[in-house]
Protein backbone atom coordinates (compact mmCIF):
# COMPACT_ATOMS: atom_id res chain seq x y z
CA MET A 1 107.90 120.92 100.64
CA SER A 2 107.66 124.72 100.91
CA ASP A 3 108.02 125.08 97.11
CA ALA A 4 105.06 122.74 96.41
CA ASP A 5 102.86 124.13 93.68
CA PRO A 6 99.40 125.00 95.12
CA ASP A 7 96.31 123.19 93.87
CA THR A 8 98.22 120.01 93.05
CA VAL A 9 98.34 116.30 93.73
CA VAL A 10 101.24 114.06 92.83
CA ASP A 11 101.03 112.40 89.41
CA ALA A 12 101.90 108.86 90.48
CA PRO A 13 99.85 105.77 91.36
CA PRO A 14 99.66 104.91 95.06
CA SER A 15 101.82 101.83 94.48
CA THR A 16 104.63 104.08 93.21
CA THR A 17 104.19 106.29 96.21
CA VAL A 18 104.60 103.36 98.57
CA ARG A 19 107.77 102.28 96.71
CA VAL A 20 109.14 105.84 97.13
CA VAL A 21 108.36 105.72 100.85
CA GLU A 22 110.25 102.46 101.10
CA GLN A 23 113.24 104.20 99.40
CA MET A 24 112.95 107.14 101.76
CA LEU A 25 113.81 104.88 104.68
CA ASP A 26 117.34 104.56 103.22
CA LEU A 27 117.98 108.19 102.39
CA PRO A 28 120.95 109.88 104.07
CA TRP A 29 120.50 112.32 106.94
CA PRO A 30 122.08 115.78 106.66
CA GLU A 31 124.71 117.25 108.88
CA GLY A 32 123.31 119.85 111.29
CA ASP A 33 120.62 122.18 110.03
CA GLU A 34 121.27 121.43 106.38
CA GLU A 35 118.20 120.54 104.23
CA LEU A 36 118.51 118.10 101.36
CA ALA A 37 116.22 118.02 98.32
CA TRP A 38 115.78 114.73 96.53
CA GLU A 39 113.81 113.01 93.80
CA LEU A 40 112.80 109.36 93.72
CA SER A 41 110.76 107.85 90.81
CA GLY A 42 109.70 111.35 89.76
CA LEU A 43 108.45 112.38 93.19
CA GLU A 44 110.25 115.22 94.95
CA GLY A 45 110.82 115.68 98.64
CA GLU A 46 113.24 117.06 101.18
CA THR A 47 115.07 115.96 104.23
CA THR A 48 115.75 117.97 107.39
CA TRP A 49 117.62 116.91 110.54
CA LEU A 50 114.36 115.39 111.88
CA PHE A 51 112.51 113.83 108.95
CA HIS A 52 112.21 112.93 105.28
CA ALA A 53 109.15 114.62 103.80
CA LEU A 54 107.21 113.68 100.70
CA PRO A 55 104.45 116.16 99.82
CA LEU A 56 101.57 114.44 98.04
CA ALA A 57 98.85 117.02 97.78
CA HIS A 58 97.95 120.58 98.57
CA ARG A 59 94.58 122.17 97.87
CA ALA A 60 93.69 119.18 95.78
CA GLY A 61 90.18 118.58 97.27
CA LYS A 62 88.59 115.28 96.34
CA ALA A 63 91.76 114.12 94.58
CA ALA A 64 93.73 114.34 97.80
CA THR A 65 90.99 112.54 99.73
CA ALA A 66 90.88 109.79 97.13
CA LEU A 67 94.69 109.40 97.21
CA ALA A 68 94.74 109.14 100.98
CA ARG A 69 91.99 106.56 100.88
CA ARG A 70 93.90 104.48 98.37
CA LEU A 71 97.26 104.80 100.18
CA ARG A 72 96.22 103.66 103.63
CA PRO A 73 95.51 99.98 102.72
CA LEU A 74 98.78 99.81 100.74
CA LEU A 75 100.72 101.22 103.66
CA ASP A 76 98.91 98.77 105.99
CA GLU A 77 99.85 95.92 103.65
CA ARG A 78 103.50 96.95 103.57
CA TRP A 79 104.05 97.81 107.26
CA GLY A 80 101.23 96.18 109.17
CA PRO A 81 98.36 97.68 111.06
CA ARG A 82 98.47 101.47 111.31
CA LEU A 83 98.69 103.21 114.61
CA GLN A 84 97.23 106.58 115.52
CA PHE A 85 99.37 109.61 116.50
CA HIS A 86 97.43 112.22 118.45
CA VAL A 87 98.91 115.57 119.47
CA ASP A 88 97.44 115.25 122.97
CA ARG A 89 98.54 111.64 123.64
CA PRO A 90 102.33 111.23 123.64
CA ALA A 91 103.59 107.65 123.05
CA GLY A 92 104.33 105.97 126.38
CA GLY A 93 102.77 108.84 128.23
CA ARG A 94 105.84 110.98 127.75
CA GLU A 95 106.27 113.92 125.44
CA ASN A 96 109.62 114.28 123.74
CA ASP A 97 111.14 116.63 121.11
CA ARG A 98 110.05 114.38 118.25
CA HIS A 99 106.48 114.26 119.57
CA ARG A 100 106.36 118.03 119.97
CA THR A 101 107.72 118.61 116.49
CA VAL A 102 105.20 116.23 114.86
CA ALA A 103 102.41 117.78 116.93
CA ARG A 104 103.40 121.25 115.69
CA LEU A 105 103.45 120.00 112.12
CA LEU A 106 100.00 118.49 112.52
CA ARG A 107 98.60 121.65 114.03
CA SER A 108 100.18 123.74 111.25
CA ILE A 109 98.05 121.85 108.71
CA ASP A 110 94.93 122.10 110.87
CA THR A 111 94.68 118.54 112.14
CA THR A 112 95.50 116.75 115.39
CA THR A 113 95.94 113.16 114.31
CA ALA A 114 98.02 111.14 111.88
CA ASP A 115 98.20 107.52 110.83
CA TRP A 116 101.61 105.94 111.34
CA TRP A 117 103.43 102.67 110.85
CA ARG A 118 106.59 101.21 112.48
CA HIS A 119 109.54 100.04 110.43
CA ASP A 120 112.69 98.85 112.26
CA GLY A 121 112.28 101.57 114.82
CA ASP A 122 111.58 104.27 112.22
CA ALA A 123 108.13 105.81 111.92
CA VAL A 124 106.25 106.34 108.65
CA LEU A 125 103.55 108.98 109.12
CA LEU A 126 100.69 109.98 106.82
CA LEU A 127 99.68 113.57 107.62
CA ASP A 128 96.23 114.19 106.16
CA SER A 129 94.18 117.36 106.67
CA THR A 130 91.69 116.68 103.93
CA ALA A 131 88.79 116.28 106.36
CA SER A 132 89.77 119.03 108.89
CA ALA A 133 90.92 121.72 106.44
CA PRO A 134 89.09 121.06 103.16
CA HIS A 135 89.93 124.51 101.70
CA ASP A 136 93.65 124.22 102.44
CA ASP A 137 94.03 120.44 102.55
CA ARG A 138 97.47 118.87 102.73
CA LEU A 139 98.62 115.34 102.36
CA LEU A 140 102.18 114.29 102.99
CA VAL A 141 104.33 111.39 104.23
CA LEU A 142 107.05 111.82 106.82
CA VAL A 143 109.72 109.29 107.78
CA LEU A 144 111.22 109.84 111.23
CA PRO A 145 114.40 108.02 112.09
CA ALA A 146 114.96 105.54 114.96
CA ARG A 147 117.97 107.53 116.07
């Protein structure tokens, strides 16, 4: 994620991206603070102790916006209606470490909301700052484990 080439958007159709997200759900989790780099169907990501991350776009402008617009219905189709994560509204009225970490990530890309979907207790999040930070837009998918 940190090595992502600026001014880029993934070179894969949205359907391939959704298939990669499905595979991300089965990726192993590292021991301790270790970070794992991986590649699935030509898309590169990384795993930390808290999440699997798939960067999709950075400073890609209209291309990032278009990709996000095409991805959302496919993610809805795969995992059902999307939910809204908001940094100021913790799930269940309680803030936990996972909520604080995701909130920090969202703020770091200059946005305060994310779409997310449930999958067997895991959470699939689409972090999208194309509207809130058009000159430094970022689009990425995170998978957070149920554990």
